């Protein structure tokens, strides 16, 4: 291609990129203005939905990654073994989170999201505030299902 043609193509792409950026800013501002006028309960409900959707999406990607390693003919035996072990660990973690979330909801809370790490458990509970009895109930559920000390449990109320 001629040098002049390349310059014209690059200039057009830069112009389109600028227009896209401008539209993105304008549209995001109008969406944030609209959503800031809605009630707080809608945002907390969307928090739990959004978190679950994001968590599911991330875990689906992780599963696909592990499956790709397991099914690849070029993967070593150690890589396949590690991928299978990681996949089983992830499935176990998902099951534990689901059980604990269900049990916390059974205690009378509207919604709950639980995340596990190697040492910590985080529970985000849909409520404006927690009294000591409710905290004790949540801690009891978590400790009965998981071998975690109270110092490694974080409970966060979200309205």
N, C-alpha and C. Protein backbone atom coordinates (compact mmCIF):
# COMPACT_ATOMS: atom_id res chain seq x y z
N UNK A 1 0.84 -1.18 0.00
CA UNK A 1 0.00 0.00 0.00
C UNK A 1 0.88 1.24 0.00
N UNK A 2 0.29 2.27 -0.51
CA UNK A 2 1.02 3.52 -0.52
C UNK A 2 1.05 4.10 0.88
N UNK A 3 2.03 4.92 1.09
CA UNK A 3 2.21 5.55 2.39
C UNK A 3 1.02 6.47 2.70
N UNK A 4 0.54 7.19 1.69
CA UNK A 4 -0.58 8.11 1.87
C UNK A 4 -1.85 7.36 2.27
N UNK A 5 -2.10 6.20 1.68
CA UNK A 5 -3.27 5.39 1.99
C UNK A 5 -3.21 4.89 3.44
N UNK A 6 -2.03 4.47 3.85
CA UNK A 6 -1.86 4.01 5.23
C UNK A 6 -2.14 5.12 6.23
N UNK A 7 -1.68 6.31 5.93
CA UNK A 7 -1.90 7.45 6.82
C UNK A 7 -3.39 7.77 6.92
N UNK A 8 -4.09 7.71 5.80
CA UNK A 8 -5.53 8.00 5.79
C UNK A 8 -6.27 6.95 6.61
N UNK A 9 -5.92 5.69 6.47
CA UNK A 9 -6.57 4.61 7.22
C UNK A 9 -6.32 4.77 8.72
N UNK A 10 -5.10 5.07 9.10
CA UNK A 10 -4.76 5.25 10.52
C UNK A 10 -5.50 6.46 11.08
N UNK A 11 -5.56 7.55 10.32
CA UNK A 11 -6.27 8.75 10.77
C UNK A 11 -7.75 8.46 10.97
N UNK A 12 -8.35 7.70 10.06
CA UNK A 12 -9.77 7.34 10.19
C UNK A 12 -10.00 6.48 11.43
N UNK A 13 -9.09 5.54 11.70
CA UNK A 13 -9.22 4.68 12.88
C UNK A 13 -9.09 5.49 14.17
N UNK A 14 -8.16 6.45 14.19
CA UNK A 14 -7.99 7.30 15.37
C UNK A 14 -9.25 8.14 15.58
N UNK A 15 -9.81 8.67 14.51
CA UNK A 15 -11.03 9.45 14.59
C UNK A 15 -12.18 8.61 15.13
N UNK A 16 -12.33 7.38 14.62
CA UNK A 16 -13.39 6.49 15.10
C UNK A 16 -13.19 6.13 16.57
N UNK A 17 -11.95 5.94 16.97
CA UNK A 17 -11.65 5.64 18.37
C UNK A 17 -12.04 6.82 19.26
N UNK A 18 -11.75 8.02 18.83
CA UNK A 18 -12.13 9.22 19.58
C UNK A 18 -13.63 9.35 19.71
N UNK A 19 -14.37 9.11 18.62
CA UNK A 19 -15.83 9.19 18.66
C UNK A 19 -16.39 8.12 19.60
N UNK A 20 -15.84 6.92 19.56
CA UNK A 20 -16.28 5.85 20.44
C UNK A 20 -16.06 6.22 21.91
N UNK A 21 -14.90 6.78 22.21
CA UNK A 21 -14.61 7.21 23.58
C UNK A 21 -15.57 8.28 24.05
N UNK A 22 -15.86 9.25 23.19
CA UNK A 22 -16.79 10.33 23.53
C UNK A 22 -18.19 9.76 23.80
N UNK A 23 -18.67 8.89 22.94
CA UNK A 23 -19.99 8.30 23.12
C UNK A 23 -20.05 7.47 24.40
N UNK A 24 -18.98 6.77 24.70
CA UNK A 24 -18.92 5.96 25.92
C UNK A 24 -19.07 6.85 27.15
N UNK A 25 -18.37 7.97 27.19
CA UNK A 25 -18.45 8.88 28.33
C UNK A 25 -19.85 9.47 28.44
N UNK A 26 -20.41 9.92 27.33
CA UNK A 26 -21.74 10.54 27.35
C UNK A 26 -22.79 9.53 27.80
N UNK A 27 -22.76 8.33 27.25
CA UNK A 27 -23.75 7.32 27.62
C UNK A 27 -23.59 6.86 29.06
N UNK A 28 -22.36 6.71 29.53
CA UNK A 28 -22.15 6.30 30.92
C UNK A 28 -22.65 7.36 31.89
N UNK A 29 -22.47 8.62 31.57
CA UNK A 29 -22.97 9.69 32.44
C UNK A 29 -24.48 9.68 32.50
N UNK A 30 -25.14 9.45 31.38
CA UNK A 30 -26.61 9.42 31.41
C UNK A 30 -27.13 8.21 32.15
N UNK A 31 -26.45 7.08 32.06
CA UNK A 31 -26.87 5.87 32.79
C UNK A 31 -26.65 6.06 34.27
N UNK A 32 -25.51 6.64 34.68
CA UNK A 32 -25.25 6.82 36.12
C UNK A 32 -26.20 7.84 36.71
N UNK A 33 -26.60 8.86 35.96
CA UNK A 33 -27.57 9.83 36.45
C UNK A 33 -28.92 9.15 36.66
N UNK A 34 -29.31 8.30 35.74
CA UNK A 34 -30.58 7.60 35.84
C UNK A 34 -30.57 6.63 37.02
N UNK A 35 -29.51 5.87 37.18
CA UNK A 35 -29.47 4.88 38.25
C UNK A 35 -29.31 5.51 39.63
N UNK A 36 -28.69 6.69 39.72
CA UNK A 36 -28.52 7.30 41.04
C UNK A 36 -29.85 7.79 41.60
N UNK A 37 -30.85 7.95 40.76
CA UNK A 37 -32.17 8.38 41.22
C UNK A 37 -33.01 7.23 41.76
N UNK A 38 -32.60 5.99 41.58
CA UNK A 38 -33.38 4.84 42.04
C UNK A 38 -33.14 4.61 43.52
N UNK A 39 -34.01 3.80 44.13
CA UNK A 39 -33.93 3.58 45.58
C UNK A 39 -32.76 2.67 45.94
N UNK A 40 -32.38 2.72 47.21
CA UNK A 40 -31.26 1.94 47.72
C UNK A 40 -31.54 0.44 47.65
N UNK A 41 -32.78 0.01 47.83
CA UNK A 41 -33.09 -1.41 47.82
C UNK A 41 -32.84 -2.02 46.46
N UNK A 42 -33.06 -1.26 45.40
CA UNK A 42 -32.79 -1.77 44.06
C UNK A 42 -31.30 -2.01 43.89
N UNK A 43 -30.46 -1.10 44.42
CA UNK A 43 -29.02 -1.27 44.25
C UNK A 43 -28.50 -2.47 45.04
N UNK A 44 -29.06 -2.72 46.24
CA UNK A 44 -28.59 -3.87 47.00
C UNK A 44 -29.03 -5.17 46.34
N UNK A 45 -30.24 -5.18 45.79
CA UNK A 45 -30.70 -6.37 45.08
C UNK A 45 -29.82 -6.62 43.87
N UNK A 46 -29.49 -5.55 43.17
CA UNK A 46 -28.64 -5.73 41.99
C UNK A 46 -27.22 -6.11 42.41
N UNK A 47 -26.77 -5.69 43.61
CA UNK A 47 -25.45 -6.10 44.08
C UNK A 47 -25.37 -7.62 44.17
N UNK A 48 -26.35 -8.21 44.81
CA UNK A 48 -26.34 -9.66 44.99
C UNK A 48 -26.46 -10.38 43.65
N UNK A 49 -27.33 -9.90 42.77
CA UNK A 49 -27.47 -10.50 41.44
C UNK A 49 -26.20 -10.35 40.63
N UNK A 50 -25.63 -9.15 40.65
CA UNK A 50 -24.42 -8.87 39.89
C UNK A 50 -23.26 -9.72 40.40
N UNK A 51 -23.14 -9.79 41.72
CA UNK A 51 -22.04 -10.58 42.28
C UNK A 51 -22.16 -12.05 41.88
N UNK A 52 -23.37 -12.58 42.00
CA UNK A 52 -23.56 -13.99 41.63
C UNK A 52 -23.28 -14.22 40.15
N UNK A 53 -23.72 -13.32 39.31
CA UNK A 53 -23.48 -13.44 37.87
C UNK A 53 -21.99 -13.39 37.57
N UNK A 54 -21.29 -12.43 38.18
CA UNK A 54 -19.84 -12.32 37.97
C UNK A 54 -19.10 -13.55 38.48
N UNK A 55 -19.51 -14.03 39.65
CA UNK A 55 -18.86 -15.22 40.23
C UNK A 55 -19.08 -16.43 39.34
N UNK A 56 -20.30 -16.59 38.84
CA UNK A 56 -20.61 -17.72 37.97
C UNK A 56 -19.82 -17.64 36.67
N UNK A 57 -19.74 -16.46 36.12
CA UNK A 57 -19.00 -16.26 34.87
C UNK A 57 -17.52 -16.58 35.05
N UNK A 58 -16.95 -16.09 36.13
CA UNK A 58 -15.53 -16.36 36.41
C UNK A 58 -15.28 -17.85 36.61
N UNK A 59 -16.17 -18.48 37.32
CA UNK A 59 -15.99 -19.92 37.58
C UNK A 59 -16.20 -20.74 36.32
N UNK A 60 -17.11 -20.33 35.46
CA UNK A 60 -17.28 -21.02 34.18
C UNK A 60 -15.99 -20.93 33.36
N UNK A 61 -15.37 -19.76 33.38
CA UNK A 61 -14.10 -19.59 32.66
C UNK A 61 -13.01 -20.47 33.26
N UNK A 62 -12.96 -20.54 34.58
CA UNK A 62 -11.97 -21.39 35.24
C UNK A 62 -12.19 -22.86 34.87
N UNK A 63 -13.45 -23.29 34.88
CA UNK A 63 -13.76 -24.68 34.51
C UNK A 63 -13.34 -24.98 33.07
N UNK A 64 -13.63 -24.04 32.18
CA UNK A 64 -13.21 -24.23 30.78
C UNK A 64 -11.69 -24.32 30.67
N UNK A 65 -11.00 -23.51 31.43
CA UNK A 65 -9.54 -23.53 31.44
C UNK A 65 -9.03 -24.89 31.92
N UNK A 66 -9.58 -25.37 33.02
CA UNK A 66 -9.16 -26.68 33.54
C UNK A 66 -9.51 -27.79 32.55
N UNK A 67 -10.71 -27.73 31.97
CA UNK A 67 -11.11 -28.74 30.99
C UNK A 67 -10.18 -28.74 29.77
N UNK A 68 -9.76 -27.55 29.36
CA UNK A 68 -8.85 -27.46 28.21
C UNK A 68 -7.51 -28.12 28.52
N UNK A 69 -7.02 -27.92 29.72
CA UNK A 69 -5.76 -28.56 30.12
C UNK A 69 -5.93 -30.07 30.18
N UNK A 70 -7.04 -30.50 30.77
CA UNK A 70 -7.29 -31.93 30.93
C UNK A 70 -7.43 -32.63 29.58
N UNK A 71 -8.12 -32.00 28.65
CA UNK A 71 -8.39 -32.65 27.37
C UNK A 71 -7.29 -32.44 26.32
N UNK A 72 -6.35 -31.56 26.60
CA UNK A 72 -5.28 -31.30 25.64
C UNK A 72 -4.31 -32.48 25.55
N UNK A 73 -3.99 -32.84 24.33
CA UNK A 73 -3.04 -33.94 24.12
C UNK A 73 -1.62 -33.53 24.44
N UNK A 74 -1.36 -32.22 24.45
CA UNK A 74 0.00 -31.74 24.71
C UNK A 74 0.27 -31.51 26.19
N UNK A 75 -0.75 -31.65 27.03
CA UNK A 75 -0.57 -31.45 28.48
C UNK A 75 0.20 -32.62 29.07
N UNK A 76 1.08 -32.30 30.00
CA UNK A 76 1.83 -33.34 30.69
C UNK A 76 0.92 -34.01 31.72
N UNK A 77 1.35 -35.15 32.21
CA UNK A 77 0.57 -35.87 33.22
C UNK A 77 0.42 -35.02 34.48
N UNK A 78 1.48 -34.32 34.87
CA UNK A 78 1.41 -33.47 36.05
C UNK A 78 0.42 -32.32 35.85
N UNK A 79 0.42 -31.72 34.67
CA UNK A 79 -0.50 -30.62 34.39
C UNK A 79 -1.94 -31.10 34.44
N UNK A 80 -2.20 -32.27 33.87
CA UNK A 80 -3.56 -32.83 33.90
C UNK A 80 -3.97 -33.15 35.33
N UNK A 81 -3.06 -33.74 36.08
CA UNK A 81 -3.36 -34.08 37.47
C UNK A 81 -3.64 -32.82 38.29
N UNK A 82 -2.83 -31.78 38.11
CA UNK A 82 -3.03 -30.52 38.83
C UNK A 82 -4.34 -29.85 38.42
N UNK A 83 -4.67 -29.89 37.13
CA UNK A 83 -5.92 -29.30 36.65
C UNK A 83 -7.13 -30.05 37.21
N UNK A 84 -7.05 -31.36 37.25
CA UNK A 84 -8.15 -32.15 37.82
C UNK A 84 -8.31 -31.85 39.30
N UNK A 85 -7.20 -31.74 40.01
CA UNK A 85 -7.24 -31.44 41.43
C UNK A 85 -7.80 -30.04 41.68
N UNK A 86 -7.39 -29.07 40.88
CA UNK A 86 -7.89 -27.70 41.02
C UNK A 86 -9.38 -27.63 40.70
N UNK A 87 -9.80 -28.39 39.69
CA UNK A 87 -11.22 -28.40 39.32
C UNK A 87 -12.06 -28.99 40.45
N UNK A 88 -11.61 -30.09 41.03
CA UNK A 88 -12.33 -30.69 42.15
C UNK A 88 -12.37 -29.76 43.36
N UNK A 89 -11.28 -29.05 43.60
CA UNK A 89 -11.22 -28.10 44.70
C UNK A 89 -12.21 -26.95 44.47
N UNK A 90 -12.29 -26.47 43.25
CA UNK A 90 -13.23 -25.40 42.92
C UNK A 90 -14.68 -25.87 43.09
N UNK A 91 -14.96 -27.07 42.65
CA UNK A 91 -16.32 -27.63 42.80
C UNK A 91 -16.67 -27.76 44.28
N UNK A 92 -15.74 -28.21 45.07
CA UNK A 92 -15.96 -28.35 46.51
C UNK A 92 -16.22 -26.98 47.14
N UNK A 93 -15.44 -25.98 46.75
CA UNK A 93 -15.63 -24.63 47.27
C UNK A 93 -17.01 -24.09 46.89
N UNK A 94 -17.43 -24.32 45.66
CA UNK A 94 -18.74 -23.86 45.19
C UNK A 94 -19.86 -24.50 46.01
N UNK A 95 -19.73 -25.79 46.27
CA UNK A 95 -20.74 -26.50 47.06
C UNK A 95 -20.82 -25.96 48.48
N UNK A 96 -19.66 -25.72 49.10
CA UNK A 96 -19.63 -25.20 50.46
C UNK A 96 -20.27 -23.82 50.53
N UNK A 97 -19.93 -22.95 49.58
CA UNK A 97 -20.52 -21.61 49.57
C UNK A 97 -22.03 -21.67 49.42
N UNK A 98 -22.50 -22.54 48.54
CA UNK A 98 -23.94 -22.68 48.31
C UNK A 98 -24.66 -23.16 49.57
N UNK A 99 -24.08 -24.14 50.24
CA UNK A 99 -24.69 -24.68 51.46
C UNK A 99 -24.74 -23.60 52.55
N UNK A 100 -23.64 -22.91 52.77
CA UNK A 100 -23.60 -21.89 53.82
C UNK A 100 -24.57 -20.75 53.49
N UNK A 101 -24.62 -20.33 52.23
CA UNK A 101 -25.56 -19.28 51.83
C UNK A 101 -27.01 -19.71 52.12
N UNK A 102 -27.32 -20.94 51.76
CA UNK A 102 -28.67 -21.46 52.00
C UNK A 102 -29.02 -21.52 53.47
N UNK A 103 -28.07 -21.94 54.29
CA UNK A 103 -28.33 -22.04 55.73
C UNK A 103 -28.48 -20.66 56.37
N UNK A 104 -27.71 -19.69 55.90
CA UNK A 104 -27.85 -18.33 56.44
C UNK A 104 -29.21 -17.75 56.04
N UNK A 105 -29.63 -18.00 54.80
CA UNK A 105 -30.96 -17.54 54.38
C UNK A 105 -32.05 -18.23 55.21
N UNK A 106 -31.82 -19.48 55.56
CA UNK A 106 -32.80 -20.23 56.36
C UNK A 106 -32.94 -19.63 57.76
N UNK A 107 -31.96 -18.88 58.20
CA UNK A 107 -32.03 -18.22 59.51
C UNK A 107 -32.89 -16.96 59.46
N UNK A 108 -33.41 -16.63 58.27
CA UNK A 108 -34.32 -15.49 58.17
C UNK A 108 -33.79 -14.29 57.42
N UNK A 109 -32.58 -14.39 56.89
CA UNK A 109 -32.03 -13.28 56.14
C UNK A 109 -32.53 -13.34 54.70
N UNK A 110 -32.78 -12.18 54.12
CA UNK A 110 -33.34 -12.10 52.77
C UNK A 110 -32.39 -12.65 51.72
N UNK A 111 -31.12 -12.25 51.81
CA UNK A 111 -30.13 -12.70 50.83
C UNK A 111 -28.77 -12.71 51.47
N UNK A 112 -27.87 -13.47 50.86
CA UNK A 112 -26.53 -13.62 51.41
C UNK A 112 -25.60 -14.12 50.31
N UNK A 113 -24.36 -13.64 50.34
CA UNK A 113 -23.32 -14.14 49.45
C UNK A 113 -22.13 -14.51 50.32
N UNK A 114 -21.60 -15.70 50.14
CA UNK A 114 -20.47 -16.18 50.92
C UNK A 114 -19.31 -16.46 49.97
N UNK A 115 -18.13 -16.00 50.35
CA UNK A 115 -16.92 -16.31 49.59
C UNK A 115 -15.91 -16.96 50.52
N UNK A 116 -15.22 -17.94 49.98
CA UNK A 116 -14.21 -18.67 50.74
C UNK A 116 -12.84 -18.44 50.13
N UNK A 117 -11.85 -18.30 50.99
CA UNK A 117 -10.47 -18.33 50.54
C UNK A 117 -9.77 -19.41 51.35
N UNK A 118 -8.49 -19.52 51.22
CA UNK A 118 -7.77 -20.57 51.95
C UNK A 118 -7.92 -20.41 53.47
N UNK A 119 -7.95 -19.17 53.94
CA UNK A 119 -8.00 -18.95 55.38
C UNK A 119 -9.21 -18.18 55.87
N UNK A 120 -9.88 -17.43 54.99
CA UNK A 120 -10.96 -16.55 55.43
C UNK A 120 -12.30 -16.91 54.80
N UNK A 121 -13.36 -16.49 55.51
CA UNK A 121 -14.73 -16.61 55.01
C UNK A 121 -15.37 -15.23 55.11
N UNK A 122 -15.92 -14.77 54.01
CA UNK A 122 -16.64 -13.49 53.99
C UNK A 122 -18.10 -13.77 53.72
N UNK A 123 -18.96 -13.17 54.53
CA UNK A 123 -20.40 -13.30 54.33
C UNK A 123 -21.00 -11.90 54.21
N UNK A 124 -21.57 -11.62 53.05
CA UNK A 124 -22.27 -10.36 52.84
C UNK A 124 -23.75 -10.66 52.97
N UNK A 125 -24.39 -10.02 53.95
CA UNK A 125 -25.78 -10.33 54.29
C UNK A 125 -26.64 -9.11 53.99
N UNK A 126 -27.80 -9.36 53.37
CA UNK A 126 -28.71 -8.27 53.05
C UNK A 126 -29.51 -7.89 54.29
N UNK A 127 -29.06 -6.83 54.95
CA UNK A 127 -29.72 -6.29 56.12
C UNK A 127 -29.10 -4.93 56.41
N UNK A 128 -29.86 -4.06 57.06
CA UNK A 128 -29.34 -2.72 57.35
C UNK A 128 -28.28 -2.77 58.45
N UNK A 129 -28.50 -3.60 59.45
CA UNK A 129 -27.52 -3.79 60.52
C UNK A 129 -27.75 -5.14 61.18
N UNK A 130 -26.73 -5.59 61.87
CA UNK A 130 -26.80 -6.88 62.54
C UNK A 130 -26.67 -6.68 64.04
N UNK A 131 -27.51 -7.37 64.81
CA UNK A 131 -27.33 -7.35 66.25
C UNK A 131 -26.44 -8.54 66.63
N UNK A 132 -26.06 -8.62 67.88
CA UNK A 132 -25.11 -9.65 68.31
C UNK A 132 -25.71 -11.06 68.17
N UNK A 133 -27.00 -11.20 68.33
CA UNK A 133 -27.65 -12.50 68.17
C UNK A 133 -27.56 -12.98 66.71
N UNK A 134 -27.81 -12.07 65.77
CA UNK A 134 -27.74 -12.42 64.35
C UNK A 134 -26.31 -12.76 63.93
N UNK A 135 -25.36 -12.00 64.44
CA UNK A 135 -23.95 -12.30 64.15
C UNK A 135 -23.60 -13.68 64.68
N UNK A 136 -24.05 -13.99 65.88
CA UNK A 136 -23.78 -15.30 66.49
C UNK A 136 -24.39 -16.42 65.65
N UNK A 137 -25.61 -16.21 65.12
CA UNK A 137 -26.24 -17.21 64.27
C UNK A 137 -25.42 -17.45 63.00
N UNK A 138 -24.97 -16.38 62.38
CA UNK A 138 -24.20 -16.51 61.14
C UNK A 138 -22.87 -17.20 61.42
N UNK A 139 -22.20 -16.79 62.49
CA UNK A 139 -20.92 -17.42 62.85
C UNK A 139 -21.12 -18.90 63.14
N UNK A 140 -22.19 -19.25 63.83
CA UNK A 140 -22.47 -20.65 64.15
C UNK A 140 -22.67 -21.47 62.87
N UNK A 141 -23.40 -20.91 61.91
CA UNK A 141 -23.61 -21.62 60.65
C UNK A 141 -22.28 -21.83 59.94
N UNK A 142 -21.48 -20.78 59.86
CA UNK A 142 -20.20 -20.88 59.15
C UNK A 142 -19.28 -21.88 59.83
N UNK A 143 -19.20 -21.80 61.17
CA UNK A 143 -18.31 -22.71 61.88
C UNK A 143 -18.79 -24.15 61.84
N UNK A 144 -20.11 -24.36 61.76
CA UNK A 144 -20.61 -25.73 61.71
C UNK A 144 -20.34 -26.38 60.35
N UNK A 145 -20.25 -25.57 59.30
CA UNK A 145 -20.04 -26.11 57.96
C UNK A 145 -18.58 -26.09 57.52
N UNK A 146 -17.82 -25.17 58.07
CA UNK A 146 -16.42 -25.00 57.65
C UNK A 146 -15.53 -24.99 58.88
N UNK A 147 -14.36 -25.47 58.76
CA UNK A 147 -13.42 -25.47 59.89
C UNK A 147 -12.65 -24.15 59.88
N UNK A 148 -13.31 -23.10 60.40
CA UNK A 148 -12.73 -21.76 60.38
C UNK A 148 -12.89 -21.14 61.75
N UNK A 149 -11.82 -20.52 62.22
CA UNK A 149 -11.89 -19.81 63.49
C UNK A 149 -12.64 -18.50 63.34
N UNK A 150 -13.18 -18.04 64.45
CA UNK A 150 -13.99 -16.82 64.42
C UNK A 150 -13.17 -15.61 63.94
N UNK A 151 -11.87 -15.61 64.19
CA UNK A 151 -11.03 -14.50 63.76
C UNK A 151 -10.89 -14.42 62.24
N UNK A 152 -11.25 -15.48 61.56
CA UNK A 152 -11.14 -15.53 60.09
C UNK A 152 -12.49 -15.37 59.39
N UNK A 153 -13.51 -14.97 60.14
CA UNK A 153 -14.84 -14.78 59.58
C UNK A 153 -15.15 -13.29 59.55
N UNK A 154 -15.56 -12.80 58.39
CA UNK A 154 -15.96 -11.40 58.25
C UNK A 154 -17.40 -11.38 57.76
N UNK A 155 -18.24 -10.65 58.50
CA UNK A 155 -19.66 -10.53 58.15
C UNK A 155 -19.93 -9.07 57.82
N UNK A 156 -20.50 -8.84 56.64
CA UNK A 156 -20.72 -7.48 56.16
C UNK A 156 -22.21 -7.30 55.87
N UNK A 157 -22.88 -6.39 56.61
CA UNK A 157 -24.27 -6.11 56.30
C UNK A 157 -24.37 -5.12 55.13
N UNK A 158 -25.28 -5.39 54.21
CA UNK A 158 -25.51 -4.50 53.07
C UNK A 158 -27.02 -4.33 52.94
N UNK A 159 -27.45 -3.08 52.91
CA UNK A 159 -28.89 -2.84 52.78
C UNK A 159 -29.24 -2.63 51.34
